[in-house]
Amino acid sequence: MPLIYITGIPGVGKSTVVKELTKRGYESYSADEDGFNWWYDRDTNKAITYKPSDKEAHTPQWTATCAWRTSREKVKKLAEKADKKIIFLSGSSENEKEIWNLFSKVIGLVVDDSTLHARIDQRTTN
């Protein structure tokens, strides 16, 4: 059975799709919320040992030294689990092309500018 990756820019609807898939009985994960993604030091490639505030993580200083990346090891374990059933993972990260080969399919969500702006303006989470 396949492991399917759902990706796209922030605000495109990845979290909404995961919630709907879960409602329909599929095993589905959000890379951000379920611990597949984390901040890594760009120089050492080691995980940052604390969680920065949202305000800190969105500064040019932070993103110059830290990268939001997906753990290949965690996705590999999920791919092994998907041997028995379809599993979905949604997310977006700086290194996602490095993990695409672990998926049977990669689905890229797209949205027009006006819908994206409306979605972001109405956001109350993430």
PDB file of N, CA and C in Angstrom:
ATOM      1  N   MET A   1       0.845  -1.181   0.000  1.00  0.00           N
ATOM      2  CA  MET A   1       0.000   0.000   0.000  1.00  0.00           C
ATOM      3  C   MET A   1       0.887   1.239   0.000  1.00  0.00           C
ATOM      4  N   PRO A   2       0.357   2.329  -0.478  1.00  0.00           N
ATOM      5  CA  PRO A   2       1.206   3.512  -0.627  1.00  0.00           C
ATOM      6  C   PRO A   2       1.219   4.449   0.581  1.00  0.00           C
ATOM      7  N   LEU A   3       2.334   5.145   0.683  1.00  0.00           N
ATOM      8  CA  LEU A   3       2.444   6.312   1.544  1.00  0.00           C
ATOM      9  C   LEU A   3       2.333   7.497   0.601  1.00  0.00           C
ATOM     10  N   ILE A   4       1.411   8.405   0.883  1.00  0.00           N
ATOM     11  CA  ILE A   4       1.134   9.529  -0.005  1.00  0.00           C
ATOM     12  C   ILE A   4       1.453  10.834   0.721  1.00  0.00           C
ATOM     13  N   TYR A   5       2.210  11.694   0.032  1.00  0.00           N
ATOM     14  CA  TYR A   5       2.606  12.991   0.587  1.00  0.00           C
ATOM     15  C   TYR A   5       1.765  14.092  -0.042  1.00  0.00           C
ATOM     16  N   ILE A   6       1.211  14.950   0.805  1.00  0.00           N
ATOM     17  CA  ILE A   6       0.430  16.098   0.362  1.00  0.00           C
ATOM     18  C   ILE A   6       1.207  17.343   0.770  1.00  0.00           C
ATOM     19  N   THR A   7       1.584  18.150  -0.215  1.00  0.00           N
ATOM     20  CA  THR A   7       2.408  19.316   0.066  1.00  0.00           C
ATOM     21  C   THR A   7       1.849  20.557  -0.613  1.00  0.00           C
ATOM     22  N   GLY A   8       2.383  21.687  -0.273  1.00  0.00           N
ATOM     23  CA  GLY A   8       1.969  22.964  -0.851  1.00  0.00           C
ATOM     24  C   GLY A   8       2.381  24.093   0.072  1.00  0.00           C
ATOM     25  N   ILE A   9       2.201  25.311  -0.401  1.00  0.00           N
ATOM     26  CA  ILE A   9       2.607  26.474   0.385  1.00  0.00           C
ATOM     27  C   ILE A   9       1.704  26.629   1.612  1.00  0.00           C
ATOM     28  N   PRO A  10       2.169  27.386   2.619  1.00  0.00           N
ATOM     29  CA  PRO A  10       1.312  27.639   3.785  1.00  0.00           C
ATOM     30  C   PRO A  10      -0.008  28.284   3.362  1.00  0.00           C
ATOM     31  N   GLY A  11      -1.104  27.791   3.929  1.00  0.00           N
ATOM     32  CA  GLY A  11      -2.417  28.348   3.646  1.00  0.00           C
ATOM     33  C   GLY A  11      -3.163  27.689   2.514  1.00  0.00           C
ATOM     34  N   VAL A  12      -2.532  26.710   1.853  1.00  0.00           N
ATOM     35  CA  VAL A  12      -3.161  26.081   0.687  1.00  0.00           C
ATOM     36  C   VAL A  12      -4.263  25.092   1.077  1.00  0.00           C
ATOM     37  N   GLY A  13      -4.232  24.581   2.315  1.00  0.00           N
ATOM     38  CA  GLY A  13      -5.280  23.664   2.772  1.00  0.00           C
ATOM     39  C   GLY A  13      -4.803  22.283   3.169  1.00  0.00           C
ATOM     40  N   LYS A  14      -3.509  22.114   3.402  1.00  0.00           N
ATOM     41  CA  LYS A  14      -2.978  20.790   3.776  1.00  0.00           C
ATOM     42  C   LYS A  14      -3.632  20.262   5.049  1.00  0.00           C
ATOM     43  N   SER A  15      -3.715  21.100   6.066  1.00  0.00           N
ATOM     44  CA  SER A  15      -4.312  20.667   7.338  1.00  0.00           C
ATOM     45  C   SER A  15      -5.781  20.314   7.176  1.00  0.00           C
ATOM     46  N   THR A  16      -6.486  21.066   6.365  1.00  0.00           N
ATOM     47  CA  THR A  16      -7.900  20.790   6.095  1.00  0.00           C
ATOM     48  C   THR A  16      -8.057  19.436   5.410  1.00  0.00           C
ATOM     49  N   VAL A  17      -7.185  19.142   4.453  1.00  0.00           N
ATOM     50  CA  VAL A  17      -7.239  17.853   3.750  1.00  0.00           C
ATOM     51  C   VAL A  17      -6.962  16.706   4.720  1.00  0.00           C
ATOM     52  N   VAL A  18      -5.966  16.855   5.593  1.00  0.00           N
ATOM     53  CA  VAL A  18      -5.649  15.802   6.573  1.00  0.00           C
ATOM     54  C   VAL A  18      -6.831  15.557   7.508  1.00  0.00           C
ATOM     55  N   LYS A  19      -7.452  16.621   7.963  1.00  0.00           N
ATOM     56  CA  LYS A  19      -8.623  16.454   8.844  1.00  0.00           C
ATOM     57  C   LYS A  19      -9.737  15.699   8.134  1.00  0.00           C
ATOM     58  N   GLU A  20      -9.973  16.021   6.873  1.00  0.00           N
ATOM     59  CA  GLU A  20     -11.025  15.345   6.103  1.00  0.00           C
ATOM     60  C   GLU A  20     -10.664  13.878   5.862  1.00  0.00           C
ATOM     61  N   LEU A  21      -9.414  13.595   5.528  1.00  0.00           N
ATOM     62  CA  LEU A  21      -8.991  12.203   5.323  1.00  0.00           C
ATOM     63  C   LEU A  21      -9.150  11.392   6.605  1.00  0.00           C
ATOM     64  N   THR A  22      -8.793  11.989   7.733  1.00  0.00           N
ATOM     65  CA  THR A  22      -8.942  11.316   9.028  1.00  0.00           C
ATOM     66  C   THR A  22     -10.418  11.045   9.320  1.00  0.00           C
ATOM     67  N   LYS A  23     -11.268  12.034   9.032  1.00  0.00           N
ATOM     68  CA  LYS A  23     -12.711  11.870   9.217  1.00  0.00           C
ATOM     69  C   LYS A  23     -13.247  10.710   8.385  1.00  0.00           C
ATOM     70  N   ARG A  24     -12.652  10.507   7.231  1.00  0.00           N
ATOM     71  CA  ARG A  24     -13.089   9.435   6.340  1.00  0.00           C
ATOM     72  C   ARG A  24     -12.459   8.088   6.663  1.00  0.00           C
ATOM     73  N   GLY A  25     -11.675   8.040   7.750  1.00  0.00           N
ATOM     74  CA  GLY A  25     -11.147   6.769   8.230  1.00  0.00           C
ATOM     75  C   GLY A  25      -9.722   6.437   7.802  1.00  0.00           C
ATOM     76  N   TYR A  26      -9.055   7.353   7.113  1.00  0.00           N
ATOM     77  CA  TYR A  26      -7.674   7.108   6.698  1.00  0.00           C
ATOM     78  C   TYR A  26      -6.711   7.504   7.812  1.00  0.00           C
ATOM     79  N   GLU A  27      -5.592   6.816   7.872  1.00  0.00           N
ATOM     80  CA  GLU A  27      -4.528   7.210   8.782  1.00  0.00           C
ATOM     81  C   GLU A  27      -3.794   8.371   8.119  1.00  0.00           C
ATOM     82  N   SER A  28      -3.833   9.526   8.768  1.00  0.00           N
ATOM     83  CA  SER A  28      -3.296  10.745   8.171  1.00  0.00           C
ATOM     84  C   SER A  28      -2.533  11.541   9.219  1.00  0.00           C
ATOM     85  N   TYR A  29      -1.443  12.165   8.786  1.00  0.00           N
ATOM     86  CA  TYR A  29      -0.587  12.923   9.694  1.00  0.00           C
ATOM     87  C   TYR A  29      -0.239  14.275   9.106  1.00  0.00           C
ATOM     88  N   SER A  30      -0.035  15.233   9.995  1.00  0.00           N
ATOM     89  CA  SER A  30       0.513  16.532   9.626  1.00  0.00           C
ATOM     90  C   SER A  30       1.970  16.535  10.063  1.00  0.00           C
ATOM     91  N   ALA A  31       2.875  16.784   9.130  1.00  0.00           N
ATOM     92  CA  ALA A  31       4.303  16.760   9.453  1.00  0.00           C
ATOM     93  C   ALA A  31       4.648  17.763  10.548  1.00  0.00           C
ATOM     94  N   ASP A  32       4.002  18.923  10.525  1.00  0.00           N
ATOM     95  CA  ASP A  32       4.276  19.937  11.552  1.00  0.00           C
ATOM     96  C   ASP A  32       3.730  19.515  12.910  1.00  0.00           C
ATOM     97  N   GLU A  33       2.467  19.154  12.951  1.00  0.00           N
ATOM     98  CA  GLU A  33       1.799  18.873  14.220  1.00  0.00           C
ATOM     99  C   GLU A  33       2.168  17.521  14.814  1.00  0.00           C
ATOM    100  N   ASP A  34       2.575  16.576  13.994  1.00  0.00           N
ATOM    101  CA  ASP A  34       2.842  15.223  14.482  1.00  0.00           C
ATOM    102  C   ASP A  34       4.327  14.885  14.588  1.00  0.00           C
ATOM    103  N   GLY A  35       5.188  15.912  14.575  1.00  0.00           N
ATOM    104  CA  GLY A  35       6.595  15.716  14.900  1.00  0.00           C
ATOM    105  C   GLY A  35       7.504  15.204  13.796  1.00  0.00           C
ATOM    106  N   PHE A  36       7.083  15.271  12.557  1.00  0.00           N
ATOM    107  CA  PHE A  36       7.956  14.874  11.457  1.00  0.00           C
ATOM    108  C   PHE A  36       8.879  16.032  11.057  1.00  0.00           C
ATOM    109  N   ASN A  37       8.446  17.261  11.291  1.00  0.00           N
ATOM    110  CA  ASN A  37       9.221  18.459  10.952  1.00  0.00           C
ATOM    111  C   ASN A  37       9.744  19.117  12.225  1.00  0.00           C
ATOM    112  N   TRP A  38      10.926  19.717  12.096  1.00  0.00           N
ATOM    113  CA  TRP A  38      11.525  20.434  13.218  1.00  0.00           C
ATOM    114  C   TRP A  38      12.564  21.411  12.697  1.00  0.00           C
ATOM    115  N   TRP A  39      12.988  22.327  13.560  1.00  0.00           N
ATOM    116  CA  TRP A  39      14.044  23.283  13.227  1.00  0.00           C
ATOM    117  C   TRP A  39      15.419  22.648  13.384  1.00  0.00           C
ATOM    118  N   TYR A  40      16.270  22.861  12.382  1.00  0.00           N
ATOM    119  CA  TYR A  40      17.641  22.335  12.395  1.00  0.00           C
ATOM    120  C   TYR A  40      18.628  23.470  12.189  1.00  0.00           C
ATOM    121  N   ASP A  41      19.761  23.383  12.878  1.00  0.00           N
ATOM    122  CA  ASP A  41      20.840  24.340  12.692  1.00  0.00           C
ATOM    123  C   ASP A  41      21.437  24.136  11.298  1.00  0.00           C
ATOM    124  N   ARG A  42      21.535  25.197  10.525  1.00  0.00           N
ATOM    125  CA  ARG A  42      22.027  25.088   9.149  1.00  0.00           C
ATOM    126  C   ARG A  42      23.496  24.651   9.084  1.00  0.00           C
ATOM    127  N   ASP A  43      24.299  25.049  10.059  1.00  0.00           N
ATOM    128  CA  ASP A  43      25.729  24.707  10.034  1.00  0.00           C
ATOM    129  C   ASP A  43      26.004  23.277  10.486  1.00  0.00           C
ATOM    130  N   THR A  44      25.344  22.861  11.566  1.00  0.00           N
ATOM    131  CA  THR A  44      25.633  21.533  12.133  1.00  0.00           C
ATOM    132  C   THR A  44      24.661  20.456  11.650  1.00  0.00           C
ATOM    133  N   ASN A  45      23.521  20.867  11.099  1.00  0.00           N
ATOM    134  CA  ASN A  45      22.452  19.962  10.683  1.00  0.00           C
ATOM    135  C   ASN A  45      21.863  19.186  11.860  1.00  0.00           C
ATOM    136  N   LYS A  46      22.034  19.709  13.066  1.00  0.00           N
ATOM    137  CA  LYS A  46      21.469  19.078  14.260  1.00  0.00           C
ATOM    138  C   LYS A  46      20.184  19.794  14.652  1.00  0.00           C
ATOM    139  N   ALA A  47      19.268  19.016  15.219  1.00  0.00           N
ATOM    140  CA  ALA A  47      17.990  19.582  15.656  1.00  0.00           C
ATOM    141  C   ALA A  47      18.211  20.613  16.758  1.00  0.00           C
ATOM    142  N   ILE A  48      17.447  21.691  16.687  1.00  0.00           N
ATOM    143  CA  ILE A  48      17.472  22.710  17.735  1.00  0.00           C
ATOM    144  C   ILE A  48      16.825  22.085  18.976  1.00  0.00           C
ATOM    145  N   THR A  49      17.400  22.336  20.142  1.00  0.00           N
ATOM    146  CA  THR A  49      16.946  21.649  21.353  1.00  0.00           C
ATOM    147  C   THR A  49      15.767  22.318  22.051  1.00  0.00           C
ATOM    148  N   TYR A  50      15.318  23.451  21.553  1.00  0.00           N
ATOM    149  CA  TYR A  50      14.152  24.095  22.153  1.00  0.00           C
ATOM    150  C   TYR A  50      13.220  24.571  21.055  1.00  0.00           C
ATOM    151  N   LYS A  51      11.974  24.807  21.417  1.00  0.00           N
ATOM    152  CA  LYS A  51      11.001  25.292  20.442  1.00  0.00           C
ATOM    153  C   LYS A  51      10.968  26.815  20.499  1.00  0.00           C
ATOM    154  N   PRO A  52      11.320  27.467  19.386  1.00  0.00           N
ATOM    155  CA  PRO A  52      11.261  28.929  19.389  1.00  0.00           C
ATOM    156  C   PRO A  52       9.819  29.416  19.365  1.00  0.00           C
ATOM    157  N   SER A  53       9.614  30.624  19.828  1.00  0.00           N
ATOM    158  CA  SER A  53       8.278  31.212  19.721  1.00  0.00           C
ATOM    159  C   SER A  53       7.996  31.461  18.239  1.00  0.00           C
ATOM    160  N   ASP A  54       6.717  31.569  17.886  1.00  0.00           N
ATOM    161  CA  ASP A  54       6.360  31.863  16.495  1.00  0.00           C
ATOM    162  C   ASP A  54       6.989  33.173  16.046  1.00  0.00           C
ATOM    163  N   LYS A  55       7.010  34.141  16.943  1.00  0.00           N
ATOM    164  CA  LYS A  55       7.596  35.448  16.612  1.00  0.00           C
ATOM    165  C   LYS A  55       9.090  35.297  16.294  1.00  0.00           C
ATOM    166  N   GLU A  56       9.811  34.558  17.114  1.00  0.00           N
ATOM    167  CA  GLU A  56      11.245  34.349  16.897  1.00  0.00           C
ATOM    168  C   GLU A  56      11.507  33.579  15.609  1.00  0.00           C
ATOM    169  N   ALA A  57      10.715  32.531  15.365  1.00  0.00           N
ATOM    170  CA  ALA A  57      10.949  31.652  14.210  1.00  0.00           C
ATOM    171  C   ALA A  57      10.667  32.327  12.875  1.00  0.00           C
ATOM    172  N   HIS A  58      10.015  33.467  12.887  1.00  0.00           N
ATOM    173  CA  HIS A  58       9.696  34.163  11.640  1.00  0.00           C
ATOM    174  C   HIS A  58      10.553  35.412  11.421  1.00  0.00           C
ATOM    175  N   THR A  59      11.705  35.461  12.075  1.00  0.00           N
ATOM    176  CA  THR A  59      12.606  36.583  11.873  1.00  0.00           C
ATOM    177  C   THR A  59      13.689  36.207  10.867  1.00  0.00           C
ATOM    178  N   PRO A  60      14.219  37.177  10.151  1.00  0.00           N
ATOM    179  CA  PRO A  60      15.324  36.894   9.220  1.00  0.00           C
ATOM    180  C   PRO A  60      16.548  36.306   9.928  1.00  0.00           C
ATOM    181  N   GLN A  61      16.793  36.730  11.161  1.00  0.00           N
ATOM    182  CA  GLN A  61      17.939  36.210  11.914  1.00  0.00           C
ATOM    183  C   GLN A  61      17.782  34.704  12.164  1.00  0.00           C
ATOM    184  N   TRP A  62      16.574  34.299  12.539  1.00  0.00           N
ATOM    185  CA  TRP A  62      16.329  32.879  12.827  1.00  0.00           C
ATOM    186  C   TRP A  62      16.475  32.040  11.559  1.00  0.00           C
ATOM    187  N   THR A  63      15.809  32.442  10.511  1.00  0.00           N
ATOM    188  CA  THR A  63      15.827  31.637   9.285  1.00  0.00           C
ATOM    189  C   THR A  63      17.181  31.669   8.577  1.00  0.00           C
ATOM    190  N   ALA A  64      18.025  32.622   8.923  1.00  0.00           N
ATOM    191  CA  ALA A  64      19.379  32.629   8.362  1.00  0.00           C
ATOM    192  C   ALA A  64      20.227  31.524   8.980  1.00  0.00           C
ATOM    193  N   THR A  65      19.918  31.145  10.218  1.00  0.00           N
ATOM    194  CA  THR A  65      20.730  30.136  10.905  1.00  0.00           C
ATOM    195  C   THR A  65      20.014  28.804  11.107  1.00  0.00           C
ATOM    196  N   CYS A  66      18.683  28.789  10.935  1.00  0.00           N
ATOM    197  CA  CYS A  66      17.907  27.574  11.182  1.00  0.00           C
ATOM    198  C   CYS A  66      17.010  27.253   9.991  1.00  0.00           C
ATOM    199  N   ALA A  67      16.778  25.964   9.764  1.00  0.00           N
ATOM    200  CA  ALA A  67      15.952  25.511   8.643  1.00  0.00           C
ATOM    201  C   ALA A  67      14.855  24.581   9.147  1.00  0.00           C
ATOM    202  N   TRP A  68      13.658  24.716   8.599  1.00  0.00           N
ATOM    203  CA  TRP A  68      12.522  23.839   8.908  1.00  0.00           C
ATOM    204  C   TRP A  68      12.647  22.624   8.005  1.00  0.00           C
ATOM    205  N   ARG A  69      12.930  21.457   8.586  1.00  0.00           N
ATOM    206  CA  ARG A  69      13.210  20.262   7.791  1.00  0.00           C
ATOM    207  C   ARG A  69      12.377  19.068   8.275  1.00  0.00           C
ATOM    208  N   THR A  70      12.214  18.124   7.371  1.00  0.00           N
ATOM    209  CA  THR A  70      11.503  16.888   7.672  1.00  0.00           C
ATOM    210  C   THR A  70      12.513  15.798   8.007  1.00  0.00           C
ATOM    211  N   SER A  71      12.227  15.035   9.051  1.00  0.00           N
ATOM    212  CA  SER A  71      13.091  13.930   9.449  1.00  0.00           C
ATOM    213  C   SER A  71      12.896  12.748   8.498  1.00  0.00           C
ATOM    214  N   ARG A  72      13.919  12.426   7.739  1.00  0.00           N
ATOM    215  CA  ARG A  72      13.858  11.294   6.813  1.00  0.00           C
ATOM    216  C   ARG A  72      13.631   9.991   7.583  1.00  0.00           C
ATOM    217  N   GLU A  73      14.254   9.856   8.737  1.00  0.00           N
ATOM    218  CA  GLU A  73      14.119   8.629   9.530  1.00  0.00           C
ATOM    219  C   GLU A  73      12.674   8.393   9.960  1.00  0.00           C
ATOM    220  N   LYS A  74      11.996   9.456  10.394  1.00  0.00           N
ATOM    221  CA  LYS A  74      10.600   9.318  10.828  1.00  0.00           C
ATOM    222  C   LYS A  74       9.684   8.977   9.651  1.00  0.00           C
ATOM    223  N   VAL A  75       9.945   9.591   8.502  1.00  0.00           N
ATOM    224  CA  VAL A  75       9.125   9.297   7.321  1.00  0.00           C
ATOM    225  C   VAL A  75       9.391   7.868   6.848  1.00  0.00           C
ATOM    226  N   LYS A  76      10.631   7.421   6.952  1.00  0.00           N
ATOM    227  CA  LYS A  76      10.977   6.053   6.544  1.00  0.00           C
ATOM    228  C   LYS A  76      10.205   5.034   7.391  1.00  0.00           C
ATOM    229  N   LYS A  77      10.099   5.276   8.695  1.00  0.00           N
ATOM    230  CA  LYS A  77       9.319   4.388   9.572  1.00  0.00           C
ATOM    231  C   LYS A  77       7.846   4.378   9.179  1.00  0.00           C
ATOM    232  N   LEU A  78       7.331   5.545   8.809  1.00  0.00           N
ATOM    233  CA  LEU A  78       5.940   5.634   8.377  1.00  0.00           C
ATOM    234  C   LEU A  78       5.739   4.878   7.060  1.00  0.00           C
ATOM    235  N   ALA A  79       6.721   4.961   6.165  1.00  0.00           N
ATOM    236  CA  ALA A  79       6.650   4.242   4.885  1.00  0.00           C
ATOM    237  C   ALA A  79       6.616   2.731   5.115  1.00  0.00           C
ATOM    238  N   GLU A  80       7.374   2.261   6.096  1.00  0.00           N
ATOM    239  CA  GLU A  80       7.358   0.826   6.418  1.00  0.00           C
ATOM    240  C   GLU A  80       5.992   0.409   6.947  1.00  0.00           C
ATOM    241  N   LYS A  81       5.380   1.267   7.740  1.00  0.00           N
ATOM    242  CA  LYS A  81       4.038   1.007   8.274  1.00  0.00           C
ATOM    243  C   LYS A  81       3.000   1.002   7.149  1.00  0.00           C
ATOM    244  N   ALA A  82       3.231   1.810   6.112  1.00  0.00           N
ATOM    245  CA  ALA A  82       2.298   1.915   4.990  1.00  0.00           C
ATOM    246  C   ALA A  82       2.333   0.683   4.098  1.00  0.00           C
ATOM    247  N   ASP A  83       3.181  -0.257   4.422  1.00  0.00           N
ATOM    248  CA  ASP A  83       3.236  -1.509   3.669  1.00  0.00           C
ATOM    249  C   ASP A  83       1.910  -2.266   3.771  1.00  0.00           C
ATOM    250  N   LYS A  84       1.180  -2.026   4.857  1.00  0.00           N
ATOM    251  CA  LYS A  84      -0.063  -2.749   5.120  1.00  0.00           C
ATOM    252  C   LYS A  84      -1.329  -1.962   4.763  1.00  0.00           C
ATOM    253  N   LYS A  85      -1.226  -0.628   4.635  1.00  0.00           N
ATOM    254  CA  LYS A  85      -2.406   0.198   4.366  1.00  0.00           C
ATOM    255  C   LYS A  85      -1.979   1.550   3.813  1.00  0.00           C
ATOM    256  N   ILE A  86      -2.924   2.283   3.247  1.00  0.00           N
ATOM    257  CA  ILE A  86      -2.653   3.623   2.737  1.00  0.00           C
ATOM    258  C   ILE A  86      -2.510   4.581   3.921  1.00  0.00           C
ATOM    259  N   ILE A  87      -1.444   5.380   3.888  1.00  0.00           N
ATOM    260  CA  ILE A  87      -1.212   6.404   4.906  1.00  0.00           C
ATOM    261  C   ILE A  87      -0.883   7.713   4.202  1.00  0.00           C
ATOM    262  N   PHE A  88      -1.398   8.809   4.750  1.00  0.00           N
ATOM    263  CA  PHE A  88      -1.144  10.138   4.203  1.00  0.00           C
ATOM    264  C   PHE A  88      -0.296  10.949   5.177  1.00  0.00           C
ATOM    265  N   LEU A  89       0.641  11.711   4.633  1.00  0.00           N
ATOM    266  CA  LEU A  89       1.414  12.682   5.403  1.00  0.00           C
ATOM    267  C   LEU A  89       1.350  14.004   4.656  1.00  0.00           C
ATOM    268  N   SER A  90       1.031  15.077   5.373  1.00  0.00           N
ATOM    269  CA  SER A  90       1.005  16.385   4.723  1.00  0.00           C
ATOM    270  C   SER A  90       2.047  17.281   5.359  1.00  0.00           C
ATOM    271  N   GLY A  91       2.614  18.147   4.542  1.00  0.00           N
ATOM    272  CA  GLY A  91       3.590  19.079   5.079  1.00  0.00           C
ATOM    273  C   GLY A  91       4.315  19.835   3.993  1.00  0.00           C
ATOM    274  N   SER A  92       5.225  20.639   4.450  1.00  0.00           N
ATOM    275  CA  SER A  92       6.074  21.421   3.560  1.00  0.00           C
ATOM    276  C   SER A  92       7.326  21.761   4.340  1.00  0.00           C
ATOM    277  N   SER A  93       8.466  21.530   3.734  1.00  0.00           N
ATOM    278  CA  SER A  93       9.719  21.839   4.415  1.00  0.00           C
ATOM    279  C   SER A  93      10.805  22.140   3.398  1.00  0.00           C
ATOM    280  N   GLU A  94      11.880  22.665   3.898  1.00  0.00           N
ATOM    281  CA  GLU A  94      12.989  23.056   3.043  1.00  0.00           C
ATOM    282  C   GLU A  94      13.632  21.869   2.326  1.00  0.00           C
ATOM    283  N   ASN A  95      13.629  20.709   2.961  1.00  0.00           N
ATOM    284  CA  ASN A  95      14.319  19.542   2.389  1.00  0.00           C
ATOM    285  C   ASN A  95      13.370  18.481   1.831  1.00  0.00           C
ATOM    286  N   GLU A  96      12.138  18.847   1.540  1.00  0.00           N
ATOM    287  CA  GLU A  96      11.162  17.810   1.185  1.00  0.00           C
ATOM    288  C   GLU A  96      11.539  17.017  -0.064  1.00  0.00           C
ATOM    289  N   LYS A  97      12.268  17.589  -0.986  1.00  0.00           N
ATOM    290  CA  LYS A  97      12.671  16.818  -2.171  1.00  0.00           C
ATOM    291  C   LYS A  97      13.549  15.626  -1.789  1.00  0.00           C
ATOM    292  N   GLU A  98      14.226  15.718  -0.644  1.00  0.00           N
ATOM    293  CA  GLU A  98      15.086  14.629  -0.169  1.00  0.00           C
ATOM    294  C   GLU A  98      14.288  13.432   0.350  1.00  0.00           C
ATOM    295  N   ILE A  99      12.993  13.620   0.605  1.00  0.00           N
ATOM    296  CA  ILE A  99      12.177  12.517   1.134  1.00  0.00           C
ATOM    297  C   ILE A  99      11.158  12.003   0.133  1.00  0.00           C
ATOM    298  N   TRP A 100      11.014  12.678  -1.003  1.00  0.00           N
ATOM    299  CA  TRP A 100       9.979  12.299  -1.966  1.00  0.00           C
ATOM    300  C   TRP A 100      10.095  10.846  -2.407  1.00  0.00           C
ATOM    301  N   ASN A 101      11.296  10.296  -2.455  1.00  0.00           N
ATOM    302  CA  ASN A 101      11.446   8.909  -2.913  1.00  0.00           C
ATOM    303  C   ASN A 101      10.882   7.891  -1.916  1.00  0.00           C
ATOM    304  N   LEU A 102      10.495   8.323  -0.724  1.00  0.00           N
ATOM    305  CA  LEU A 102       9.895   7.423   0.260  1.00  0.00           C
ATOM    306  C   LEU A 102       8.380   7.284   0.051  1.00  0.00           C
ATOM    307  N   PHE A 103       7.823   8.082  -0.853  1.00  0.00           N
ATOM    308  CA  PHE A 103       6.385   8.098  -1.085  1.00  0.00           C
ATOM    309  C   PHE A 103       6.028   7.423  -2.406  1.00  0.00           C
ATOM    310  N   SER A 104       4.853   6.819  -2.430  1.00  0.00           N
ATOM    311  CA  SER A 104       4.329   6.256  -3.677  1.00  0.00           C
ATOM    312  C   SER A 104       3.817   7.364  -4.589  1.00  0.00           C
ATOM    313  N   LYS A 105       3.268   8.411  -3.965  1.00  0.00           N
ATOM    314  CA  LYS A 105       2.750   9.554  -4.714  1.00  0.00           C
ATOM    315  C   LYS A 105       3.022  10.829  -3.916  1.00  0.00           C
ATOM    316  N   VAL A 106       3.249  11.917  -4.647  1.00  0.00           N
ATOM    317  CA  VAL A 106       3.367  13.249  -4.057  1.00  0.00           C
ATOM    318  C   VAL A 106       2.306  14.114  -4.715  1.00  0.00           C
ATOM    319  N   ILE A 107       1.439  14.689  -3.888  1.00  0.00           N
ATOM    320  CA  ILE A 107       0.368  15.547  -4.386  1.00  0.00           C
ATOM    321  C   ILE A 107       0.666  16.973  -3.954  1.00  0.00           C
ATOM    322  N   GLY A 108       0.768  17.870  -4.924  1.00  0.00           N
ATOM    323  CA  GLY A 108       1.007  19.279  -4.637  1.00  0.00           C
ATOM    324  C   GLY A 108      -0.293  20.060  -4.738  1.00  0.00           C
ATOM    325  N   LEU A 109      -0.719  20.654  -3.630  1.00  0.00           N
ATOM    326  CA  LEU A 109      -1.926  21.472  -3.627  1.00  0.00           C
ATOM    327  C   LEU A 109      -1.587  22.879  -4.099  1.00  0.00           C
ATOM    328  N   VAL A 110      -2.468  23.464  -4.882  1.00  0.00           N
ATOM    329  CA  VAL A 110      -2.297  24.835  -5.363  1.00  0.00           C
ATOM    330  C   VAL A 110      -3.568  25.621  -5.087  1.00  0.00           C
ATOM    331  N   VAL A 111      -3.431  26.932  -5.045  1.00  0.00           N
ATOM    332  CA  VAL A 111      -4.568  27.804  -4.765  1.00  0.00           C
ATOM    333  C   VAL A 111      -4.317  29.143  -5.454  1.00  0.00           C
ATOM    334  N   ASP A 112      -5.400  29.802  -5.856  1.00  0.00           N
ATOM    335  CA  ASP A 112      -5.245  31.123  -6.470  1.00  0.00           C
ATOM    336  C   ASP A 112      -4.996  32.166  -5.374  1.00  0.00           C
ATOM    337  N   ASP A 113      -4.452  33.314  -5.767  1.00  0.00           N
ATOM    338  CA  ASP A 113      -4.054  34.349  -4.811  1.00  0.00           C
ATOM    339  C   ASP A 113      -5.206  34.850  -3.935  1.00  0.00           C
ATOM    340  N   SER A 114      -6.348  35.110  -4.520  1.00  0.00           N
ATOM    341  CA  SER A 114      -7.446  35.676  -3.724  1.00  0.00           C
ATOM    342  C   SER A 114      -7.951  34.674  -2.682  1.00  0.00           C
ATOM    343  N   THR A 115      -8.035  33.405  -3.045  1.00  0.00           N
ATOM    344  CA  THR A 115      -8.457  32.378  -2.081  1.00  0.00           C
ATOM    345  C   THR A 115      -7.416  32.233  -0.977  1.00  0.00           C
ATOM    346  N   LEU A 116      -6.147  32.236  -1.351  1.00  0.00           N
ATOM    347  CA  LEU A 116      -5.074  32.120  -0.357  1.00  0.00           C
ATOM    348  C   LEU A 116      -5.141  33.273   0.639  1.00  0.00           C
ATOM    349  N   HIS A 117      -5.281  34.494   0.159  1.00  0.00           N
ATOM    350  CA  HIS A 117      -5.348  35.651   1.061  1.00  0.00           C
ATOM    351  C   HIS A 117      -6.564  35.564   1.977  1.00  0.00           C
ATOM    352  N   ALA A 118      -7.687  35.126   1.452  1.00  0.00           N
ATOM    353  CA  ALA A 118      -8.889  34.973   2.274  1.00  0.00           C
ATOM    354  C   ALA A 118      -8.678  33.906   3.346  1.00  0.00           C
ATOM    355  N   ARG A 119      -8.059  32.782   2.968  1.00  0.00           N
ATOM    356  CA  ARG A 119      -7.802  31.701   3.935  1.00  0.00           C
ATOM    357  C   ARG A 119      -6.882  32.180   5.056  1.00  0.00           C
ATOM    358  N   ILE A 120      -5.824  32.889   4.698  1.00  0.00           N
ATOM    359  CA  ILE A 120      -4.873  33.355   5.703  1.00  0.00           C
ATOM    360  C   ILE A 120      -5.506  34.415   6.600  1.00  0.00           C
ATOM    361  N   ASP A 121      -6.303  35.307   6.025  1.00  0.00           N
ATOM    362  CA  ASP A 121      -6.981  36.342   6.816  1.00  0.00           C
ATOM    363  C   ASP A 121      -7.952  35.735   7.832  1.00  0.00           C
ATOM    364  N   GLN A 122      -8.553  34.580   7.504  1.00  0.00           N
ATOM    365  CA  GLN A 122      -9.544  33.950   8.379  1.00  0.00           C
ATOM    366  C   GLN A 122      -8.941  32.917   9.326  1.00  0.00           C
ATOM    367  N   ARG A 123      -7.644  32.684   9.220  1.00  0.00           N
ATOM    368  CA  ARG A 123      -6.984  31.650  10.031  1.00  0.00           C
ATOM    369  C   ARG A 123      -7.055  31.949  11.515  1.00  0.00           C
ATOM    370  N   THR A 124      -7.322  30.897  12.281  1.00  0.00           N
ATOM    371  CA  THR A 124      -7.286  31.031  13.742  1.00  0.00           C
ATOM    372  C   THR A 124      -6.286  30.054  14.352  1.00  0.00           C
ATOM    373  N   THR A 125      -5.698  29.173  13.505  1.00  0.00           N
ATOM    374  CA  THR A 125      -4.712  28.211  13.990  1.00  0.00           C
ATOM    375  C   THR A 125      -3.483  28.246  13.094  1.00  0.00           C
ATOM    376  N   ASN A 126      -2.465  27.549  13.487  1.00  0.00           N
ATOM    377  CA  ASN A 126      -1.148  27.405  12.831  1.00  0.00           C
ATOM    378  C   ASN A 126      -0.831  28.519  11.870  1.00  0.00           C
TER     379      ASN A 126
END
